[in-house]
C-alpha atoms as a PDB file:
ATOM      1  CA  UNK A   1      46.807 288.804 -91.016  1.00  0.00           C
ATOM      2  CA  UNK A   2      43.433 290.506 -90.901  1.00  0.00           C
ATOM      3  CA  UNK A   3      41.302 290.184 -87.798  1.00  0.00           C
ATOM      4  CA  UNK A   4      37.845 288.803 -88.540  1.00  0.00           C
ATOM      5  CA  UNK A   5      36.468 292.124 -87.263  1.00  0.00           C
ATOM      6  CA  UNK A   6      38.196 293.823 -90.214  1.00  0.00           C
ATOM      7  CA  UNK A   7      36.491 291.562 -92.763  1.00  0.00           C
ATOM      8  CA  UNK A   8      33.012 292.272 -94.115  1.00  0.00           C
ATOM      9  CA  UNK A   9      32.977 289.934 -97.130  1.00  0.00           C
ATOM     10  CA  UNK A  10      34.659 286.647 -98.035  1.00  0.00           C
ATOM     11  CA  UNK A  11      34.621 284.947-101.438  1.00  0.00           C
ATOM     12  CA  UNK A  12      35.398 281.217-101.639  1.00  0.00           C
ATOM     13  CA  UNK A  13      36.323 279.788-105.047  1.00  0.00           C
ATOM     14  CA  UNK A  14      36.395 276.019-105.542  1.00  0.00           C
ATOM     15  CA  UNK A  15      36.275 273.515-108.375  1.00  0.00           C
ATOM     16  CA  UNK A  16      33.378 271.306-107.229  1.00  0.00           C
ATOM     17  CA  UNK A  17      30.361 271.274-104.940  1.00  0.00           C
ATOM     18  CA  UNK A  18      31.535 269.889-101.548  1.00  0.00           C
ATOM     19  CA  UNK A  19      35.175 271.074-101.894  1.00  0.00           C
ATOM     20  CA  UNK A  20      34.614 274.072 -99.647  1.00  0.00           C
ATOM     21  CA  UNK A  21      32.844 271.953 -97.036  1.00  0.00           C
ATOM     22  CA  UNK A  22      35.596 269.348 -96.794  1.00  0.00           C
ATOM     23  CA  UNK A  23      38.209 272.082 -96.560  1.00  0.00           C
ATOM     24  CA  UNK A  24      36.638 274.858 -94.536  1.00  0.00           C
ATOM     25  CA  UNK A  25      33.017 274.385 -93.429  1.00  0.00           C
ATOM     26  CA  UNK A  26      33.900 274.830 -89.758  1.00  0.00           C
ATOM     27  CA  UNK A  27      35.883 277.990 -90.387  1.00  0.00           C
ATOM     28  CA  UNK A  28      33.183 279.429 -92.625  1.00  0.00           C
ATOM     29  CA  UNK A  29      30.575 278.717 -89.958  1.00  0.00           C
ATOM     30  CA  UNK A  30      32.631 280.782 -87.513  1.00  0.00           C
ATOM     31  CA  UNK A  31      32.887 283.629 -90.027  1.00  0.00           C
ATOM     32  CA  UNK A  32      29.154 283.810 -90.718  1.00  0.00           C
ATOM     33  CA  UNK A  33      28.435 283.602 -86.987  1.00  0.00           C
ATOM     34  CA  UNK A  34      30.635 286.691 -86.599  1.00  0.00           C
ATOM     35  CA  UNK A  35      28.527 288.555 -89.175  1.00  0.00           C
ATOM     36  CA  UNK A  36      30.843 288.133 -92.181  1.00  0.00           C
ATOM     37  CA  UNK A  37      29.067 287.736 -95.526  1.00  0.00           C
ATOM     38  CA  UNK A  38      30.412 284.712 -97.397  1.00  0.00           C
ATOM     39  CA  UNK A  39      29.859 283.973-101.093  1.00  0.00           C
ATOM     40  CA  UNK A  40      30.623 280.669-102.798  1.00  0.00           C
ATOM     41  CA  UNK A  41      31.805 280.559-106.409  1.00  0.00           C
ATOM     42  CA  UNK A  42      31.871 276.960-107.694  1.00  0.00           C
ATOM     43  CA  UNK A  43      33.577 276.477-111.046  1.00  0.00           C
ATOM     44  CA  UNK A  44      31.794 273.254-112.081  1.00  0.00           C
ATOM     45  CA  UNK A  45      28.474 271.562-111.329  1.00  0.00           C
ATOM     46  CA  UNK A  46      30.233 268.374-110.217  1.00  0.00           C
ATOM     47  CA  UNK A  47      28.650 266.461-113.094  1.00  0.00           C
ATOM     48  CA  UNK A  48      31.339 263.736-112.976  1.00  0.00           C
ATOM     49  CA  UNK A  49      30.581 262.979-109.312  1.00  0.00           C
ATOM     50  CA  UNK A  50      28.158 260.682-107.547  1.00  0.00           C
ATOM     51  CA  UNK A  51      28.293 256.993-106.662  1.00  0.00           C
ATOM     52  CA  UNK A  52      24.773 255.694-107.372  1.00  0.00           C
ATOM     53  CA  UNK A  53      24.666 253.984-110.822  1.00  0.00           C
ATOM     54  CA  UNK A  54      20.858 254.098-110.849  1.00  0.00           C
ATOM     55  CA  UNK A  55      20.767 257.905-111.014  1.00  0.00           C
ATOM     56  CA  UNK A  56      20.377 259.410-114.492  1.00  0.00           C
ATOM     57  CA  UNK A  57      23.682 261.165-115.152  1.00  0.00           C
ATOM     58  CA  UNK A  58      21.803 264.092-116.708  1.00  0.00           C
ATOM     59  CA  UNK A  59      20.334 264.800-113.266  1.00  0.00           C
ATOM     60  CA  UNK A  60      23.679 265.013-111.462  1.00  0.00           C
ATOM     61  CA  UNK A  61      24.412 268.731-112.085  1.00  0.00           C
ATOM     62  CA  UNK A  62      21.058 269.751-110.614  1.00  0.00           C
ATOM     63  CA  UNK A  63      21.441 267.371-107.700  1.00  0.00           C
ATOM     64  CA  UNK A  64      24.882 268.654-106.833  1.00  0.00           C
ATOM     65  CA  UNK A  65      23.890 272.304-107.117  1.00  0.00           C
ATOM     66  CA  UNK A  66      21.009 271.694-104.723  1.00  0.00           C
ATOM     67  CA  UNK A  67      23.303 269.818-102.337  1.00  0.00           C
ATOM     68  CA  UNK A  68      25.802 272.674-102.292  1.00  0.00           C
ATOM     69  CA  UNK A  69      23.069 275.187-101.602  1.00  0.00           C
ATOM     70  CA  UNK A  70      21.796 273.044 -98.702  1.00  0.00           C
ATOM     71  CA  UNK A  71      25.314 272.642 -97.318  1.00  0.00           C
ATOM     72  CA  UNK A  72      25.880 276.378 -97.613  1.00  0.00           C
ATOM     73  CA  UNK A  73      22.708 277.056 -95.670  1.00  0.00           C
ATOM     74  CA  UNK A  74      23.968 274.811 -92.864  1.00  0.00           C
ATOM     75  CA  UNK A  75      26.981 277.095 -92.346  1.00  0.00           C
ATOM     76  CA  UNK A  76      25.139 280.373 -92.839  1.00  0.00           C
ATOM     77  CA  UNK A  77      25.897 281.050 -96.507  1.00  0.00           C
ATOM     78  CA  UNK A  78      23.087 282.080 -98.856  1.00  0.00           C
ATOM     79  CA  UNK A  79      24.974 283.408-101.903  1.00  0.00           C
ATOM     80  CA  UNK A  80      26.125 280.438-104.019  1.00  0.00           C
ATOM     81  CA  UNK A  81      27.196 280.974-107.624  1.00  0.00           C
ATOM     82  CA  UNK A  82      28.048 278.331-110.239  1.00  0.00           C
ATOM     83  CA  UNK A  83      30.189 279.011-113.306  1.00  0.00           C
ATOM     84  CA  UNK A  84      29.109 275.862-115.166  1.00  0.00           C
ATOM     85  CA  UNK A  85      32.452 274.542-116.365  1.00  0.00           C
ATOM     86  CA  UNK A  86      32.883 270.824-117.160  1.00  0.00           C
ATOM     87  CA  UNK A  87      33.749 268.633-114.187  1.00  0.00           C
ATOM     88  CA  UNK A  88      36.992 266.761-114.806  1.00  0.00           C
ATOM     89  CA  UNK A  89      38.115 269.093-117.561  1.00  0.00           C
ATOM     90  CA  UNK A  90      38.708 272.354-115.699  1.00  0.00           C
ATOM     91  CA  UNK A  91      41.637 274.399-116.983  1.00  0.00           C
ATOM     92  CA  UNK A  92      43.007 277.771-115.884  1.00  0.00           C
ATOM     93  CA  UNK A  93      41.960 279.483-119.098  1.00  0.00           C
ATOM     94  CA  UNK A  94      41.540 283.190-119.718  1.00  0.00           C
ATOM     95  CA  UNK A  95      37.778 282.588-119.714  1.00  0.00           C
ATOM     96  CA  UNK A  96      37.882 281.057-116.232  1.00  0.00           C
ATOM     97  CA  UNK A  97      40.150 283.832-114.957  1.00  0.00           C
ATOM     98  CA  UNK A  98      37.721 286.407-116.380  1.00  0.00           C
ATOM     99  CA  UNK A  99      34.696 284.698-114.819  1.00  0.00           C
ATOM    100  CA  UNK A 100      36.331 284.547-111.380  1.00  0.00           C
ATOM    101  CA  UNK A 101      37.493 288.156-111.772  1.00  0.00           C
ATOM    102  CA  UNK A 102      33.898 289.119-112.516  1.00  0.00           C
ATOM    103  CA  UNK A 103      32.706 287.606-109.224  1.00  0.00           C
ATOM    104  CA  UNK A 104      35.562 289.247-107.311  1.00  0.00           C
ATOM    105  CA  UNK A 105      34.587 292.653-108.691  1.00  0.00           C
ATOM    106  CA  UNK A 106      30.919 291.999-107.909  1.00  0.00           C
ATOM    107  CA  UNK A 107      31.447 290.744-104.349  1.00  0.00           C
ATOM    108  CA  UNK A 108      34.473 292.955-103.517  1.00  0.00           C
ATOM    109  CA  UNK A 109      35.822 290.714-100.729  1.00  0.00           C
ATOM    110  CA  UNK A 110      38.534 291.652 -98.271  1.00  0.00           C
ATOM    111  CA  UNK A 111      39.405 287.954 -97.905  1.00  0.00           C
ATOM    112  CA  UNK A 112      39.329 285.053-100.355  1.00  0.00           C
ATOM    113  CA  UNK A 113      39.423 281.325 -99.770  1.00  0.00           C
ATOM    114  CA  UNK A 114      40.827 279.254-102.641  1.00  0.00           C
ATOM    115  CA  UNK A 115      42.284 275.852-103.428  1.00  0.00           C
ATOM    116  CA  UNK A 116      45.992 275.230-103.667  1.00  0.00           C
ATOM    117  CA  UNK A 117      47.668 275.691-107.031  1.00  0.00           C
ATOM    118  CA  UNK A 118      50.467 273.444-105.737  1.00  0.00           C
ATOM    119  CA  UNK A 119      50.143 269.679-105.582  1.00  0.00           C
ATOM    120  CA  UNK A 120      50.151 268.281-102.051  1.00  0.00           C
ATOM    121  CA  UNK A 121      51.969 264.966-102.311  1.00  0.00           C
ATOM    122  CA  UNK A 122      51.070 263.992 -98.741  1.00  0.00           C
ATOM    123  CA  UNK A 123      47.343 264.562 -99.420  1.00  0.00           C
ATOM    124  CA  UNK A 124      47.002 263.525-103.050  1.00  0.00           C
ATOM    125  CA  UNK A 125      43.220 263.312-102.788  1.00  0.00           C
ATOM    126  CA  UNK A 126      43.120 267.051-102.163  1.00  0.00           C
ATOM    127  CA  UNK A 127      45.089 267.706-105.357  1.00  0.00           C
ATOM    128  CA  UNK A 128      42.503 266.714-107.962  1.00  0.00           C
ATOM    129  CA  UNK A 129      43.494 268.298-111.307  1.00  0.00           C
ATOM    130  CA  UNK A 130      40.356 270.451-111.174  1.00  0.00           C
ATOM    131  CA  UNK A 131      41.380 271.693-107.716  1.00  0.00           C
ATOM    132  CA  UNK A 132      44.791 272.696-109.025  1.00  0.00           C
ATOM    133  CA  UNK A 133      43.256 274.459-112.039  1.00  0.00           C
ATOM    134  CA  UNK A 134      40.787 276.278-109.789  1.00  0.00           C
ATOM    135  CA  UNK A 135      43.672 277.412-107.583  1.00  0.00           C
ATOM    136  CA  UNK A 136      45.770 278.620-110.528  1.00  0.00           C
ATOM    137  CA  UNK A 137      42.857 280.549-112.037  1.00  0.00           C
ATOM    138  CA  UNK A 138      41.722 281.994-108.704  1.00  0.00           C
ATOM    139  CA  UNK A 139      45.118 283.363-107.692  1.00  0.00           C
ATOM    140  CA  UNK A 140      45.581 284.794-111.200  1.00  0.00           C
ATOM    141  CA  UNK A 141      42.196 286.479-110.859  1.00  0.00           C
ATOM    142  CA  UNK A 142      43.224 287.861-107.463  1.00  0.00           C
ATOM    143  CA  UNK A 143      46.568 289.021-108.875  1.00  0.00           C
ATOM    144  CA  UNK A 144      46.780 290.585-111.334  1.00  0.00           C
ATOM    145  CA  UNK A 145      43.393 290.397-113.072  1.00  0.00           C
ATOM    146  CA  UNK A 146      40.680 291.710-110.732  1.00  0.00           C
ATOM    147  CA  UNK A 147      42.715 294.712-109.587  1.00  0.00           C
ATOM    148  CA  UNK A 148      43.772 295.718-113.099  1.00  0.00           C
ATOM    149  CA  UNK A 149      41.141 297.852-114.873  1.00  0.00           C
ATOM    150  CA  UNK A 150      42.736 296.959-118.206  1.00  0.00           C
ATOM    151  CA  UNK A 151      42.498 293.182-117.692  1.00  0.00           C
ATOM    152  CA  UNK A 152      39.386 291.580-119.219  1.00  0.00           C
ATOM    153  CA  UNK A 153      38.310 295.056-120.398  1.00  0.00           C
ATOM    154  CA  UNK A 154      34.737 293.981-121.167  1.00  0.00           C
ATOM    155  CA  UNK A 155      34.100 293.612-117.430  1.00  0.00           C
ATOM    156  CA  UNK A 156      34.463 297.366-117.080  1.00  0.00           C
ATOM    157  CA  UNK A 157      33.306 298.518-120.494  1.00  0.00           C
ATOM    158  CA  UNK A 158      30.221 296.301-120.801  1.00  0.00           C
ATOM    159  CA  UNK A 159      29.369 295.446-117.183  1.00  0.00           C
ATOM    160  CA  UNK A 160      30.616 298.481-115.282  1.00  0.00           C
ATOM    161  CA  UNK A 161      32.674 296.347-112.896  1.00  0.00           C
ATOM    162  CA  UNK A 162      35.554 298.389-111.521  1.00  0.00           C
ATOM    163  CA  UNK A 163      38.805 296.920-110.251  1.00  0.00           C
ATOM    164  CA  UNK A 164      39.154 295.395-106.791  1.00  0.00           C
ATOM    165  CA  UNK A 165      42.208 294.286-104.791  1.00  0.00           C
ATOM    166  CA  UNK A 166      41.751 291.392-102.350  1.00  0.00           C
ATOM    167  CA  UNK A 167      43.691 292.107 -99.165  1.00  0.00           C
ATOM    168  CA  UNK A 168      44.196 288.538 -97.981  1.00  0.00           C
ATOM    169  CA  UNK A 169      43.955 285.005 -99.389  1.00  0.00           C
ATOM    170  CA  UNK A 170      43.496 281.743 -97.493  1.00  0.00           C
ATOM    171  CA  UNK A 171      44.556 278.577 -99.316  1.00  0.00           C
ATOM    172  CA  UNK A 172      43.110 275.138 -98.561  1.00  0.00           C
ATOM    173  CA  UNK A 173      45.149 271.908 -98.843  1.00  0.00           C
ATOM    174  CA  UNK A 174      48.403 273.812 -99.295  1.00  0.00           C
ATOM    175  CA  UNK A 175      51.500 271.678 -98.631  1.00  0.00           C
ATOM    176  CA  UNK A 176      52.914 274.312 -96.255  1.00  0.00           C
ATOM    177  CA  UNK A 177      50.141 275.586 -93.984  1.00  0.00           C
ATOM    178  CA  UNK A 178      50.817 278.464 -91.592  1.00  0.00           C
ATOM    179  CA  UNK A 179      47.492 278.981 -89.796  1.00  0.00           C
ATOM    180  CA  UNK A 180      44.925 276.804 -88.034  1.00  0.00           C
ATOM    181  CA  UNK A 181      41.366 277.565 -86.952  1.00  0.00           C
ATOM    182  CA  UNK A 182      39.924 275.727 -83.963  1.00  0.00           C
ATOM    183  CA  UNK A 183      36.599 274.282 -85.155  1.00  0.00           C
ATOM    184  CA  UNK A 184      35.871 272.024 -82.188  1.00  0.00           C
ATOM    185  CA  UNK A 185      32.657 273.888 -81.407  1.00  0.00           C
ATOM    186  CA  UNK A 186      31.749 273.980 -85.122  1.00  0.00           C
ATOM    187  CA  UNK A 187      32.466 270.340 -85.898  1.00  0.00           C
ATOM    188  CA  UNK A 188      28.818 269.223 -85.811  1.00  0.00           C
ATOM    189  CA  UNK A 189      27.995 271.939 -88.338  1.00  0.00           C
ATOM    190  CA  UNK A 190      30.794 270.744 -90.632  1.00  0.00           C
ATOM    191  CA  UNK A 191      29.398 267.213 -90.476  1.00  0.00           C
ATOM    192  CA  UNK A 192      25.901 268.531 -91.218  1.00  0.00           C
ATOM    193  CA  UNK A 193      27.176 270.440 -94.255  1.00  0.00           C
ATOM    194  CA  UNK A 194      28.912 267.371 -95.645  1.00  0.00           C
ATOM    195  CA  UNK A 195      25.916 265.144 -94.977  1.00  0.00           C
ATOM    196  CA  UNK A 196      23.979 267.511 -97.250  1.00  0.00           C
ATOM    197  CA  UNK A 197      26.147 266.259-100.135  1.00  0.00           C
ATOM    198  CA  UNK A 198      24.270 262.960-100.173  1.00  0.00           C
ATOM    199  CA  UNK A 199      25.413 261.949-103.662  1.00  0.00           C
ATOM    200  CA  UNK A 200      29.004 262.163-102.451  1.00  0.00           C
ATOM    201  CA  UNK A 201      28.896 261.090 -98.810  1.00  0.00           C
ATOM    202  CA  UNK A 202      25.860 258.834 -98.243  1.00  0.00           C
ATOM    203  CA  UNK A 203      28.028 255.747 -98.803  1.00  0.00           C
ATOM    204  CA  UNK A 204      30.609 256.905 -96.202  1.00  0.00           C
ATOM    205  CA  UNK A 205      29.652 255.142 -92.976  1.00  0.00           C
ATOM    206  CA  UNK A 206      32.839 256.518 -91.457  1.00  0.00           C
ATOM    207  CA  UNK A 207      32.371 260.131 -92.568  1.00  0.00           C
ATOM    208  CA  UNK A 208      32.222 261.643 -89.091  1.00  0.00           C
ATOM    209  CA  UNK A 209      35.142 259.616 -87.758  1.00  0.00           C
ATOM    210  CA  UNK A 210      37.185 260.451 -90.834  1.00  0.00           C
ATOM    211  CA  UNK A 211      36.491 264.170 -90.431  1.00  0.00           C
ATOM    212  CA  UNK A 212      37.316 263.980 -86.743  1.00  0.00           C
ATOM    213  CA  UNK A 213      40.643 262.282 -87.496  1.00  0.00           C
ATOM    214  CA  UNK A 214      41.566 264.951 -90.043  1.00  0.00           C
ATOM    215  CA  UNK A 215      40.553 267.662 -87.569  1.00  0.00           C
ATOM    216  CA  UNK A 216      42.733 266.154 -84.860  1.00  0.00           C
ATOM    217  CA  UNK A 217      45.738 265.972 -87.188  1.00  0.00           C
ATOM    218  CA  UNK A 218      45.272 269.632 -88.146  1.00  0.00           C
ATOM    219  CA  UNK A 219      44.895 270.665 -84.509  1.00  0.00           C
ATOM    220  CA  UNK A 220      48.072 268.838 -83.529  1.00  0.00           C
ATOM    221  CA  UNK A 221      49.939 270.414 -86.454  1.00  0.00           C
ATOM    222  CA  UNK A 222      48.844 273.820 -85.206  1.00  0.00           C
ATOM    223  CA  UNK A 223      49.879 273.162 -81.622  1.00  0.00           C
ATOM    224  CA  UNK A 224      46.347 273.122 -80.194  1.00  0.00           C
ATOM    225  CA  UNK A 225      45.628 271.175 -76.991  1.00  0.00           C
ATOM    226  CA  UNK A 226      44.761 267.488 -77.150  1.00  0.00           C
ATOM    227  CA  UNK A 227      41.140 266.838 -78.023  1.00  0.00           C
ATOM    228  CA  UNK A 228      40.699 269.931 -80.176  1.00  0.00           C
ATOM    229  CA  UNK A 229      39.747 269.878 -83.859  1.00  0.00           C
ATOM    230  CA  UNK A 230      40.964 272.305 -86.506  1.00  0.00           C
ATOM    231  CA  UNK A 231      41.124 273.247 -90.165  1.00  0.00           C
ATOM    232  CA  UNK A 232      44.413 274.525 -91.540  1.00  0.00           C
ATOM    233  CA  UNK A 233      45.358 276.974 -94.255  1.00  0.00           C
ATOM    234  CA  UNK A 234      48.167 278.865 -95.897  1.00  0.00           C
ATOM    235  CA  UNK A 235      47.386 282.561 -95.429  1.00  0.00           C
ATOM    236  CA  UNK A 236      49.073 285.235 -97.527  1.00  0.00           C
ATOM    237  CA  UNK A 237      48.656 288.992 -97.963  1.00  0.00           C
ATOM    238  CA  UNK A 238      47.579 289.752-101.535  1.00  0.00           C
ATOM    239  CA  UNK A 239      46.761 293.475-101.445  1.00  0.00           C
END
């Protein structure tokens, strides 16, 4: 596994605004604090989300984009890109693979953070169909698409984007995690990031306690001392 000191750029690909914050805001905060540049690529605008029936549904995409940008700022991320696919209807199409490959070739990350392509039956809420589709498309973009100059040839021919191999991939909500990150000192930042997603979390009076419980479970699973909080991942070499 790469040391953080070996990583200059990270690209996180998720289905919806807020996915990356629920899964990895504490870890990302530690990366940016260490000087790593992190880019978010969000496949949809989250237009099927929100809980307030008085809000005009046409306003939701703009609201959720703004919320994700605010949440990103809380953890030190300034580069947030949206692909504009339909929330609730995401599929791992060639178009989505191409669009993720484009961002990989633009950002040229040593490490990527993606959602699991495998359903997690013990955490069904983490396995939204859009999450699974995002994971399938992202890993296909990592291998073989982005590193193959002959895949999606217009990226090279029309946009001048040369191939790029991602050395390492971290997977959120994977059913078989193999790495934990202690986020105890970053927990307040994670809460702040998720509070920024007001359309999704304002109704959750127990948000902080829920996040703390999840963090404790992850810390225990990773063998950390009692009282610590963690986020967990499946990490795999993909170079």
